[in-house]
Every structure is written in C-alpha cells, then in structure tokens.
Amino acid sequence: MREIETHEIAAYWRTGEPADKAGGYAIQGLAAVFVKQIQGSHSAVVGLPLFETTHLLRRQGVPIWQRV
C-alpha cells in the first residue's frame, strides 16, 4: 500500500466499508485507491486463488466446465 494521509484514513472509515473487514479493507472496494501494487495472484488477495484452485482441481480429475 502507499502511504495514506490521516485525512484519507478518516474519510475511508466514515464510509463504513472497513468496519466489517477482517483486514480493515477490501482491495476490490473503495480502498483500492490505496493499493500501490500486488505481487502474486490477484484472486488470492481478493479471496480464493481461482487460477491455482482450478489447476489443483484439474490435477485431481475434477471437471471445471460442465453443464448443469
């Protein structure tokens, strides 16, 4: 994350968004403006690492695309 000014932190808190976040922010939410860079899997940062999970499921023979 980049350096965040005190007034930015206060303004972000007033939005209510960080109140229900385990780490205090959601990279896919309003706090995205504070993120300078990401190293690694974006989906892992957001939640479930989709690329890596799909790879593991395929290795185990689990079909990824199927009709319901």
PDB file of N, CA and C in Angstrom:
ATOM      1  N   MET A   1       0.842  -1.180   0.000  1.00  0.00           N
ATOM      2  CA  MET A   1       0.000   0.000   0.000  1.00  0.00           C
ATOM      3  C   MET A   1       0.885   1.241   0.000  1.00  0.00           C
ATOM      4  N   ARG A   2       0.323   2.281  -0.532  1.00  0.00           N
ATOM      5  CA  ARG A   2       1.058   3.544  -0.498  1.00  0.00           C
ATOM      6  C   ARG A   2       0.874   4.189   0.867  1.00  0.00           C
ATOM      7  N   GLU A   3       1.636   5.223   1.144  1.00  0.00           N
ATOM      8  CA  GLU A   3       1.428   5.965   2.380  1.00  0.00           C
ATOM      9  C   GLU A   3       0.072   6.649   2.296  1.00  0.00           C
ATOM     10  N   ILE A   4      -0.676   6.566   3.377  1.00  0.00           N
ATOM     11  CA  ILE A   4      -2.027   7.110   3.402  1.00  0.00           C
ATOM     12  C   ILE A   4      -2.075   8.262   4.404  1.00  0.00           C
ATOM     13  N   GLU A   5      -2.594   9.365   3.952  1.00  0.00           N
ATOM     14  CA  GLU A   5      -2.720  10.554   4.808  1.00  0.00           C
ATOM     15  C   GLU A   5      -3.795  10.326   5.871  1.00  0.00           C
ATOM     16  N   THR A   6      -3.618  10.957   7.016  1.00  0.00           N
ATOM     17  CA  THR A   6      -4.568  10.820   8.118  1.00  0.00           C
ATOM     18  C   THR A   6      -5.980  11.175   7.688  1.00  0.00           C
ATOM     19  N   HIS A   7      -6.131  12.229   6.903  1.00  0.00           N
ATOM     20  CA  HIS A   7      -7.478  12.628   6.474  1.00  0.00           C
ATOM     21  C   HIS A   7      -8.099  11.586   5.537  1.00  0.00           C
ATOM     22  N   GLU A   8      -7.255  10.864   4.775  1.00  0.00           N
ATOM     23  CA  GLU A   8      -7.765   9.806   3.909  1.00  0.00           C
ATOM     24  C   GLU A   8      -8.270   8.619   4.735  1.00  0.00           C
ATOM     25  N   ILE A   9      -7.520   8.298   5.777  1.00  0.00           N
ATOM     26  CA  ILE A   9      -7.923   7.196   6.656  1.00  0.00           C
ATOM     27  C   ILE A   9      -9.262   7.520   7.310  1.00  0.00           C
ATOM     28  N   ALA A  10      -9.374   8.736   7.807  1.00  0.00           N
ATOM     29  CA  ALA A  10     -10.623   9.155   8.458  1.00  0.00           C
ATOM     30  C   ALA A  10     -11.789   9.133   7.469  1.00  0.00           C
ATOM     31  N   ALA A  11     -11.563   9.620   6.262  1.00  0.00           N
ATOM     32  CA  ALA A  11     -12.620   9.633   5.244  1.00  0.00           C
ATOM     33  C   ALA A  11     -13.023   8.209   4.866  1.00  0.00           C
ATOM     34  N   TYR A  12     -12.047   7.341   4.736  1.00  0.00           N
ATOM     35  CA  TYR A  12     -12.343   5.948   4.414  1.00  0.00           C
ATOM     36  C   TYR A  12     -13.157   5.309   5.538  1.00  0.00           C
ATOM     37  N   TRP A  13     -12.775   5.544   6.780  1.00  0.00           N
ATOM     38  CA  TRP A  13     -13.505   4.987   7.909  1.00  0.00           C
ATOM     39  C   TRP A  13     -14.965   5.460   7.908  1.00  0.00           C
ATOM     40  N   ARG A  14     -15.173   6.698   7.592  1.00  0.00           N
ATOM     41  CA  ARG A  14     -16.534   7.250   7.578  1.00  0.00           C
ATOM     42  C   ARG A  14     -17.424   6.598   6.522  1.00  0.00           C
ATOM     43  N   THR A  15     -16.837   5.972   5.518  1.00  0.00           N
ATOM     44  CA  THR A  15     -17.653   5.289   4.513  1.00  0.00           C
ATOM     45  C   THR A  15     -18.337   4.056   5.093  1.00  0.00           C
ATOM     46  N   GLY A  16     -17.798   3.533   6.190  1.00  0.00           N
ATOM     47  CA  GLY A  16     -18.344   2.327   6.804  1.00  0.00           C
ATOM     48  C   GLY A  16     -17.780   1.044   6.226  1.00  0.00           C
ATOM     49  N   GLU A  17     -17.096   1.122   5.118  1.00  0.00           N
ATOM     50  CA  GLU A  17     -16.585  -0.082   4.469  1.00  0.00           C
ATOM     51  C   GLU A  17     -15.615  -0.895   5.336  1.00  0.00           C
ATOM     52  N   PRO A  18     -14.676  -0.282   6.037  1.00  0.00           N
ATOM     53  CA  PRO A  18     -13.705  -1.103   6.770  1.00  0.00           C
ATOM     54  C   PRO A  18     -14.252  -1.767   8.031  1.00  0.00           C
ATOM     55  N   ALA A  19     -15.430  -1.391   8.483  1.00  0.00           N
ATOM     56  CA  ALA A  19     -15.959  -1.898   9.751  1.00  0.00           C
ATOM     57  C   ALA A  19     -16.231  -3.405   9.743  1.00  0.00           C
ATOM     58  N   ASP A  20     -16.502  -3.979   8.573  1.00  0.00           N
ATOM     59  CA  ASP A  20     -16.793  -5.415   8.531  1.00  0.00           C
ATOM     60  C   ASP A  20     -15.734  -6.219   7.787  1.00  0.00           C
ATOM     61  N   LYS A  21     -14.534  -5.682   7.714  1.00  0.00           N
ATOM     62  CA  LYS A  21     -13.444  -6.356   7.004  1.00  0.00           C
ATOM     63  C   LYS A  21     -12.398  -6.849   8.008  1.00  0.00           C
ATOM     64  N   ALA A  22     -11.994  -8.099   7.863  1.00  0.00           N
ATOM     65  CA  ALA A  22     -11.013  -8.677   8.782  1.00  0.00           C
ATOM     66  C   ALA A  22      -9.706  -7.894   8.767  1.00  0.00           C
ATOM     67  N   GLY A  23      -9.252  -7.488   7.598  1.00  0.00           N
ATOM     68  CA  GLY A  23      -8.006  -6.737   7.490  1.00  0.00           C
ATOM     69  C   GLY A  23      -8.220  -5.233   7.446  1.00  0.00           C
ATOM     70  N   GLY A  24      -9.467  -4.794   7.564  1.00  0.00           N
ATOM     71  CA  GLY A  24      -9.764  -3.367   7.572  1.00  0.00           C
ATOM     72  C   GLY A  24     -10.000  -2.764   6.197  1.00  0.00           C
ATOM     73  N   TYR A  25      -9.815  -3.561   5.144  1.00  0.00           N
ATOM     74  CA  TYR A  25     -10.064  -3.026   3.801  1.00  0.00           C
ATOM     75  C   TYR A  25     -10.372  -4.168   2.842  1.00  0.00           C
ATOM     76  N   ALA A  26     -10.996  -3.789   1.734  1.00  0.00           N
ATOM     77  CA  ALA A  26     -11.269  -4.745   0.660  1.00  0.00           C
ATOM     78  C   ALA A  26     -10.602  -4.193  -0.590  1.00  0.00           C
ATOM     79  N   ILE A  27      -9.684  -4.942  -1.132  1.00  0.00           N
ATOM     80  CA  ILE A  27      -8.934  -4.457  -2.294  1.00  0.00           C
ATOM     81  C   ILE A  27      -9.847  -4.204  -3.487  1.00  0.00           C
ATOM     82  N   GLN A  28     -10.980  -4.900  -3.547  1.00  0.00           N
ATOM     83  CA  GLN A  28     -11.917  -4.692  -4.638  1.00  0.00           C
ATOM     84  C   GLN A  28     -12.927  -3.589  -4.316  1.00  0.00           C
ATOM     85  N   GLY A  29     -12.776  -2.969  -3.169  1.00  0.00           N
ATOM     86  CA  GLY A  29     -13.695  -1.912  -2.762  1.00  0.00           C
ATOM     87  C   GLY A  29     -13.065  -0.532  -2.866  1.00  0.00           C
ATOM     88  N   LEU A  30     -13.517   0.354  -2.001  1.00  0.00           N
ATOM     89  CA  LEU A  30     -13.041   1.740  -2.018  1.00  0.00           C
ATOM     90  C   LEU A  30     -11.550   1.863  -1.718  1.00  0.00           C
ATOM     91  N   ALA A  31     -11.014   0.964  -0.925  1.00  0.00           N
ATOM     92  CA  ALA A  31      -9.598   1.025  -0.545  1.00  0.00           C
ATOM     93  C   ALA A  31      -8.656   0.699  -1.695  1.00  0.00           C
ATOM     94  N   ALA A  32      -9.188   0.311  -2.833  1.00  0.00           N
ATOM     95  CA  ALA A  32      -8.340   0.015  -3.994  1.00  0.00           C
ATOM     96  C   ALA A  32      -7.451   1.205  -4.349  1.00  0.00           C
ATOM     97  N   VAL A  33      -7.893   2.405  -4.035  1.00  0.00           N
ATOM     98  CA  VAL A  33      -7.089   3.602  -4.358  1.00  0.00           C
ATOM     99  C   VAL A  33      -5.824   3.686  -3.514  1.00  0.00           C
ATOM    100  N   PHE A  34      -5.745   2.923  -2.424  1.00  0.00           N
ATOM    101  CA  PHE A  34      -4.561   2.934  -1.565  1.00  0.00           C
ATOM    102  C   PHE A  34      -3.514   1.896  -1.977  1.00  0.00           C
ATOM    103  N   VAL A  35      -3.899   0.957  -2.823  1.00  0.00           N
ATOM    104  CA  VAL A  35      -3.024  -0.166  -3.176  1.00  0.00           C
ATOM    105  C   VAL A  35      -2.060   0.250  -4.275  1.00  0.00           C
ATOM    106  N   LYS A  36      -0.787   0.227  -3.941  1.00  0.00           N
ATOM    107  CA  LYS A  36       0.254   0.624  -4.884  1.00  0.00           C
ATOM    108  C   LYS A  36       0.579  -0.495  -5.859  1.00  0.00           C
ATOM    109  N   GLN A  37       0.659  -1.745  -5.377  1.00  0.00           N
ATOM    110  CA  GLN A  37       0.974  -2.882  -6.238  1.00  0.00           C
ATOM    111  C   GLN A  37       0.559  -4.177  -5.566  1.00  0.00           C
ATOM    112  N   ILE A  38       0.433  -5.209  -6.384  1.00  0.00           N
ATOM    113  CA  ILE A  38       0.126  -6.556  -5.903  1.00  0.00           C
ATOM    114  C   ILE A  38       1.203  -7.478  -6.445  1.00  0.00           C
ATOM    115  N   GLN A  39       1.694  -8.342  -5.595  1.00  0.00           N
ATOM    116  CA  GLN A  39       2.629  -9.374  -6.033  1.00  0.00           C
ATOM    117  C   GLN A  39       1.936 -10.710  -5.861  1.00  0.00           C
ATOM    118  N   GLY A  40       1.871 -11.479  -6.909  1.00  0.00           N
ATOM    119  CA  GLY A  40       1.222 -12.774  -6.834  1.00  0.00           C
ATOM    120  C   GLY A  40      -0.161 -12.747  -7.445  1.00  0.00           C
ATOM    121  N   SER A  41      -1.003 -13.622  -6.967  1.00  0.00           N
ATOM    122  CA  SER A  41      -2.328 -13.821  -7.533  1.00  0.00           C
ATOM    123  C   SER A  41      -3.334 -12.805  -7.007  1.00  0.00           C
ATOM    124  N   HIS A  42      -3.932 -12.025  -7.911  1.00  0.00           N
ATOM    125  CA  HIS A  42      -4.950 -11.056  -7.506  1.00  0.00           C
ATOM    126  C   HIS A  42      -6.139 -11.760  -6.867  1.00  0.00           C
ATOM    127  N   SER A  43      -6.561 -12.900  -7.414  1.00  0.00           N
ATOM    128  CA  SER A  43      -7.715 -13.594  -6.845  1.00  0.00           C
ATOM    129  C   SER A  43      -7.420 -14.133  -5.441  1.00  0.00           C
ATOM    130  N   ALA A  44      -6.167 -14.449  -5.151  1.00  0.00           N
ATOM    131  CA  ALA A  44      -5.814 -14.882  -3.798  1.00  0.00           C
ATOM    132  C   ALA A  44      -5.906 -13.719  -2.824  1.00  0.00           C
ATOM    133  N   VAL A  45      -5.557 -12.541  -3.285  1.00  0.00           N
ATOM    134  CA  VAL A  45      -5.660 -11.351  -2.439  1.00  0.00           C
ATOM    135  C   VAL A  45      -7.126 -11.058  -2.158  1.00  0.00           C
ATOM    136  N   VAL A  46      -7.968 -11.189  -3.153  1.00  0.00           N
ATOM    137  CA  VAL A  46      -9.396 -10.911  -3.015  1.00  0.00           C
ATOM    138  C   VAL A  46     -10.084 -12.004  -2.199  1.00  0.00           C
ATOM    139  N   GLY A  47      -9.682 -13.224  -2.349  1.00  0.00           N
ATOM    140  CA  GLY A  47     -10.325 -14.329  -1.645  1.00  0.00           C
ATOM    141  C   GLY A  47      -9.727 -15.653  -2.039  1.00  0.00           C
ATOM    142  N   LEU A  48     -10.426 -16.407  -2.850  1.00  0.00           N
ATOM    143  CA  LEU A  48      -9.970 -17.714  -3.290  1.00  0.00           C
ATOM    144  C   LEU A  48      -9.077 -17.575  -4.517  1.00  0.00           C
ATOM    145  N   PRO A  49      -7.880 -18.149  -4.491  1.00  0.00           N
ATOM    146  CA  PRO A  49      -6.998 -18.076  -5.656  1.00  0.00           C
ATOM    147  C   PRO A  49      -7.534 -18.962  -6.785  1.00  0.00           C
ATOM    148  N   LEU A  50      -8.338 -18.392  -7.644  1.00  0.00           N
ATOM    149  CA  LEU A  50      -9.073 -19.153  -8.653  1.00  0.00           C
ATOM    150  C   LEU A  50      -8.174 -19.903  -9.629  1.00  0.00           C
ATOM    151  N   PHE A  51      -7.144 -19.259 -10.138  1.00  0.00           N
ATOM    152  CA  PHE A  51      -6.250 -19.915 -11.089  1.00  0.00           C
ATOM    153  C   PHE A  51      -5.612 -21.147 -10.454  1.00  0.00           C
ATOM    154  N   GLU A  52      -5.069 -20.977  -9.271  1.00  0.00           N
ATOM    155  CA  GLU A  52      -4.381 -22.065  -8.602  1.00  0.00           C
ATOM    156  C   GLU A  52      -5.347 -23.182  -8.197  1.00  0.00           C
ATOM    157  N   THR A  53      -6.530 -22.814  -7.729  1.00  0.00           N
ATOM    158  CA  THR A  53      -7.534 -23.806  -7.335  1.00  0.00           C
ATOM    159  C   THR A  53      -7.990 -24.625  -8.529  1.00  0.00           C
ATOM    160  N   THR A  54      -8.226 -23.961  -9.662  1.00  0.00           N
ATOM    161  CA  THR A  54      -8.626 -24.654 -10.876  1.00  0.00           C
ATOM    162  C   THR A  54      -7.557 -25.657 -11.292  1.00  0.00           C
ATOM    163  N   HIS A  55      -6.309 -25.248 -11.214  1.00  0.00           N
ATOM    164  CA  HIS A  55      -5.193 -26.135 -11.560  1.00  0.00           C
ATOM    165  C   HIS A  55      -5.192 -27.376 -10.665  1.00  0.00           C
ATOM    166  N   LEU A  56      -5.357 -27.181  -9.372  1.00  0.00           N
ATOM    167  CA  LEU A  56      -5.364 -28.314  -8.438  1.00  0.00           C
ATOM    168  C   LEU A  56      -6.547 -29.237  -8.686  1.00  0.00           C
ATOM    169  N   LEU A  57      -7.718 -28.666  -8.951  1.00  0.00           N
ATOM    170  CA  LEU A  57      -8.896 -29.491  -9.221  1.00  0.00           C
ATOM    171  C   LEU A  57      -8.711 -30.322 -10.480  1.00  0.00           C
ATOM    172  N   ARG A  58      -8.170 -29.712 -11.525  1.00  0.00           N
ATOM    173  CA  ARG A  58      -7.924 -30.448 -12.774  1.00  0.00           C
ATOM    174  C   ARG A  58      -6.944 -31.596 -12.563  1.00  0.00           C
ATOM    175  N   ARG A  59      -5.905 -31.353 -11.781  1.00  0.00           N
ATOM    176  CA  ARG A  59      -4.926 -32.414 -11.487  1.00  0.00           C
ATOM    177  C   ARG A  59      -5.581 -33.600 -10.791  1.00  0.00           C
ATOM    178  N   GLN A  60      -6.646 -33.352 -10.051  1.00  0.00           N
ATOM    179  CA  GLN A  60      -7.358 -34.411  -9.339  1.00  0.00           C
ATOM    180  C   GLN A  60      -8.500 -34.998 -10.163  1.00  0.00           C
ATOM    181  N   GLY A  61      -8.627 -34.536 -11.422  1.00  0.00           N
ATOM    182  CA  GLY A  61      -9.645 -35.082 -12.307  1.00  0.00           C
ATOM    183  C   GLY A  61     -11.038 -34.490 -12.134  1.00  0.00           C
ATOM    184  N   VAL A  62     -11.122 -33.379 -11.427  1.00  0.00           N
ATOM    185  CA  VAL A  62     -12.419 -32.732 -11.219  1.00  0.00           C
ATOM    186  C   VAL A  62     -12.730 -31.866 -12.432  1.00  0.00           C
ATOM    187  N   PRO A  63     -13.885 -32.090 -13.070  1.00  0.00           N
ATOM    188  CA  PRO A  63     -14.231 -31.270 -14.239  1.00  0.00           C
ATOM    189  C   PRO A  63     -14.533 -29.836 -13.821  1.00  0.00           C
ATOM    190  N   ILE A  64     -13.998 -28.904 -14.587  1.00  0.00           N
ATOM    191  CA  ILE A  64     -14.202 -27.489 -14.277  1.00  0.00           C
ATOM    192  C   ILE A  64     -15.427 -26.952 -14.995  1.00  0.00           C
ATOM    193  N   TRP A  65     -15.574 -27.295 -16.264  1.00  0.00           N
ATOM    194  CA  TRP A  65     -16.716 -26.845 -17.051  1.00  0.00           C
ATOM    195  C   TRP A  65     -17.649 -28.019 -17.265  1.00  0.00           C
ATOM    196  N   GLN A  66     -18.847 -27.892 -16.776  1.00  0.00           N
ATOM    197  CA  GLN A  66     -19.840 -28.924 -17.012  1.00  0.00           C
ATOM    198  C   GLN A  66     -21.232 -28.300 -17.036  1.00  0.00           C
ATOM    199  N   ARG A  67     -22.105 -28.929 -17.787  1.00  0.00           N
ATOM    200  CA  ARG A  67     -23.483 -28.444 -17.868  1.00  0.00           C
ATOM    201  C   ARG A  67     -24.248 -28.883 -16.647  1.00  0.00           C
ATOM    202  N   VAL A  68     -25.119 -28.021 -16.216  1.00  0.00           N
ATOM    203  CA  VAL A  68     -25.938 -28.332 -15.023  1.00  0.00           C
ATOM    204  C   VAL A  68     -27.273 -28.865 -15.462  1.00  0.00           C
TER     205      VAL A  68
END
